[in-house]
C-alpha atoms as a PDB file:
ATOM      1  CA  MET A   1     -15.154 -24.770  -8.759  1.00  0.00           C
ATOM      2  CA  ASN A   2     -18.052 -22.869 -10.296  1.00  0.00           C
ATOM      3  CA  TRP A   3     -17.959 -19.206 -11.231  1.00  0.00           C
ATOM      4  CA  ASP A   4     -20.479 -18.176  -8.559  1.00  0.00           C
ATOM      5  CA  ARG A   5     -17.971 -19.178  -5.874  1.00  0.00           C
ATOM      6  CA  ILE A   6     -15.175 -17.281  -7.600  1.00  0.00           C
ATOM      7  CA  GLU A   7     -17.389 -14.220  -7.933  1.00  0.00           C
ATOM      8  CA  GLY A   8     -18.288 -14.429  -4.240  1.00  0.00           C
ATOM      9  CA  GLN A   9     -14.617 -14.560  -3.290  1.00  0.00           C
ATOM     10  CA  TRP A  10     -13.490 -12.072  -5.939  1.00  0.00           C
ATOM     11  CA  LYS A  11     -11.474  -9.862  -3.597  1.00  0.00           C
ATOM     12  CA  GLN A  12      -9.283 -12.840  -2.658  1.00  0.00           C
ATOM     13  CA  ARG A  13      -9.068 -14.106  -6.255  1.00  0.00           C
ATOM     14  CA  ARG A  14      -8.356 -10.738  -7.839  1.00  0.00           C
ATOM     15  CA  GLY A  15      -4.626 -10.951  -7.069  1.00  0.00           C
ATOM     16  CA  LYS A  16      -4.396 -14.293  -8.822  1.00  0.00           C
ATOM     17  CA  ALA A  17      -6.205 -12.823 -11.834  1.00  0.00           C
ATOM     18  CA  VAL A  18      -3.747  -9.909 -11.980  1.00  0.00           C
ATOM     19  CA  HIS A  19      -0.906 -12.420 -11.910  1.00  0.00           C
ATOM     20  CA  HIS A  20      -2.591 -14.640 -14.525  1.00  0.00           C
ATOM     21  CA  TRP A  21      -3.411 -11.820 -16.964  1.00  0.00           C
ATOM     22  CA  GLY A  22      -0.592  -9.288 -16.767  1.00  0.00           C
ATOM     23  CA  LYS A  23      -2.360  -6.654 -18.879  1.00  0.00           C
ATOM     24  CA  LEU A  24      -5.299  -6.379 -16.477  1.00  0.00           C
ATOM     25  CA  MET A  25      -5.023  -3.849 -13.714  1.00  0.00           C
ATOM     26  CA  ASN A  26      -6.180  -4.482 -10.170  1.00  0.00           C
ATOM     27  CA  ASP A  27      -8.610  -1.544 -10.261  1.00  0.00           C
ATOM     28  CA  GLU A  28     -10.158  -2.838 -13.509  1.00  0.00           C
ATOM     29  CA  LEU A  29     -10.690  -6.230 -11.919  1.00  0.00           C
ATOM     30  CA  ALA A  30     -12.124  -4.581  -8.817  1.00  0.00           C
ATOM     31  CA  ALA A  31     -14.606  -2.664 -10.958  1.00  0.00           C
ATOM     32  CA  ILE A  32     -15.999  -5.767 -12.652  1.00  0.00           C
ATOM     33  CA  ALA A  33     -16.401  -7.454  -9.246  1.00  0.00           C
ATOM     34  CA  GLY A  34     -15.964 -10.931 -10.687  1.00  0.00           C
ATOM     35  CA  LYS A  35     -18.797 -10.674 -13.210  1.00  0.00           C
ATOM     36  CA  HIS A  36     -18.088 -13.389 -15.775  1.00  0.00           C
ATOM     37  CA  GLU A  37     -19.332 -11.608 -18.905  1.00  0.00           C
ATOM     38  CA  GLN A  38     -17.571  -8.381 -17.970  1.00  0.00           C
ATOM     39  CA  LEU A  39     -14.327 -10.305 -17.516  1.00  0.00           C
ATOM     40  CA  VAL A  40     -14.816 -11.887 -20.945  1.00  0.00           C
ATOM     41  CA  GLY A  41     -15.228  -8.417 -22.467  1.00  0.00           C
ATOM     42  CA  LEU A  42     -12.222  -7.023 -20.624  1.00  0.00           C
ATOM     43  CA  LEU A  43     -10.019  -9.878 -21.848  1.00  0.00           C
ATOM     44  CA  GLN A  44     -11.234  -9.359 -25.402  1.00  0.00           C
ATOM     45  CA  GLU A  45     -10.479  -5.652 -25.200  1.00  0.00           C
ATOM     46  CA  LYS A  46      -7.030  -5.899 -23.559  1.00  0.00           C
ATOM     47  CA  TYR A  47      -5.712  -8.904 -25.476  1.00  0.00           C
ATOM     48  CA  GLY A  48      -7.570  -8.525 -28.772  1.00  0.00           C
ATOM     49  CA  ILE A  49      -8.887 -12.087 -28.629  1.00  0.00           C
ATOM     50  CA  ALA A  50     -12.173 -13.698 -29.655  1.00  0.00           C
ATOM     51  CA  LYS A  51     -14.943 -14.321 -27.151  1.00  0.00           C
ATOM     52  CA  ASP A  52     -14.396 -18.109 -27.295  1.00  0.00           C
ATOM     53  CA  GLU A  53     -10.707 -17.700 -26.496  1.00  0.00           C
ATOM     54  CA  ALA A  54     -11.492 -15.368 -23.594  1.00  0.00           C
ATOM     55  CA  LYS A  55     -13.948 -17.926 -22.194  1.00  0.00           C
ATOM     56  CA  ARG A  56     -11.359 -20.690 -22.594  1.00  0.00           C
ATOM     57  CA  GLN A  57      -8.813 -18.651 -20.660  1.00  0.00           C
ATOM     58  CA  ILE A  58     -11.338 -17.974 -17.907  1.00  0.00           C
ATOM     59  CA  ASP A  59     -12.096 -21.708 -17.666  1.00  0.00           C
ATOM     60  CA  GLU A  60      -8.360 -22.357 -17.355  1.00  0.00           C
ATOM     61  CA  PHE A  61      -8.121 -19.707 -14.638  1.00  0.00           C
ATOM     62  CA  LYS A  62     -11.058 -21.290 -12.809  1.00  0.00           C
ATOM     63  CA  THR A  63      -9.254 -24.653 -12.861  1.00  0.00           C
ATOM     64  CA  ILE A  64      -6.049 -23.113 -11.538  1.00  0.00           C
ATOM     65  CA  VAL A  65      -7.910 -21.376  -8.694  1.00  0.00           C
ATOM     66  CA  GLY A  66      -9.567 -24.661  -7.749  1.00  0.00           C
ATOM     67  CA  GLN A  67      -6.236 -26.482  -7.749  1.00  0.00           C
ATOM     68  CA  LEU A  68      -4.624 -23.787  -5.601  1.00  0.00           C
ATOM     69  CA  LYS A  69      -7.483 -23.961  -3.123  1.00  0.00           C
ATOM     70  CA  LYS A  70      -7.100 -27.748  -2.801  1.00  0.00           C
ATOM     71  CA  SER A  71      -3.341 -27.430  -2.474  1.00  0.00           C
ATOM     72  CA  ASN A  72      -3.663 -24.814   0.290  1.00  0.00           C
ATOM     73  CA  ALA A  73      -6.171 -26.999   2.137  1.00  0.00           C
ATOM     74  CA  ASN A  74      -3.765 -29.933   1.969  1.00  0.00           C
ATOM     75  CA  LEU A  75      -0.918 -27.785   3.277  1.00  0.00           C
ATOM     76  CA  LEU A  76      -3.035 -26.628   6.217  1.00  0.00           C
ATOM     77  CA  LYS A  77      -3.912 -30.241   7.072  1.00  0.00           C
ATOM     78  CA  LEU A  78      -0.263 -31.218   6.898  1.00  0.00           C
ATOM     79  CA  LYS A  79       0.716 -28.292   9.108  1.00  0.00           C
ATOM     80  CA  LYS A  80      -1.887 -29.238  11.740  1.00  0.00           C
ATOM     81  CA  THR A  81      -0.786 -32.867  11.660  1.00  0.00           C
ATOM     82  CA  SER A  82       2.885 -31.972  12.104  1.00  0.00           C
ATOM     83  CA  LYS A  83       2.075 -29.667  15.045  1.00  0.00           C
ATOM     84  CA  LYS A  84       0.198 -32.492  16.784  1.00  0.00           C
ATOM     85  CA  LYS A  85       3.170 -34.837  16.257  1.00  0.00           C
ATOM     86  CA  VAL A  86       5.579 -32.270  17.708  1.00  0.00           C
ATOM     87  CA  LYS A  87       3.377 -31.818  20.802  1.00  0.00           C
ATOM     88  CA  ARG A  88       3.164 -35.585  21.350  1.00  0.00           C
ATOM     89  CA  THR A  89       6.930 -35.963  20.940  1.00  0.00           C
ATOM     90  CA  LYS A  90       7.635 -33.217  23.468  1.00  0.00           C
ATOM     91  CA  GLN A  91       5.321 -34.879  25.995  1.00  0.00           C
ATOM     92  CA  THR A  92       7.022 -38.290  25.711  1.00  0.00           C
ATOM     93  CA  ILE A  93      10.641 -37.103  25.937  1.00  0.00           C
ATOM     94  CA  PRO A  94      11.764 -36.958  29.582  1.00  0.00           C
ATOM     95  CA  LYS A  95      13.400 -33.714  30.602  1.00  0.00           C
ATOM     96  CA  LYS A  96      17.034 -33.754  31.736  1.00  0.00           C
ATOM     97  CA  LYS A  97      17.867 -32.575  35.232  1.00  0.00           C
END
């Protein structure tokens, strides 16, 4: 997942970022609006880390977001499949009188 997509969906991803970096506040993340370089600076400021480390953490976060998105998509597919199976099963079982 590239950063442009994360930036475009920043409102949805902001909660995950708050969870990932406990020292960052939701309003701070809202203010940067997903801008990569601003997030790097904010991480450096809050955690006292080097720019390279901040970028590494952001890359890790990007990977986690991508994995969560895939996992959610798989769960939705599974849910749809199980609903179809339940409907078919209900149609084939004769009702008792």
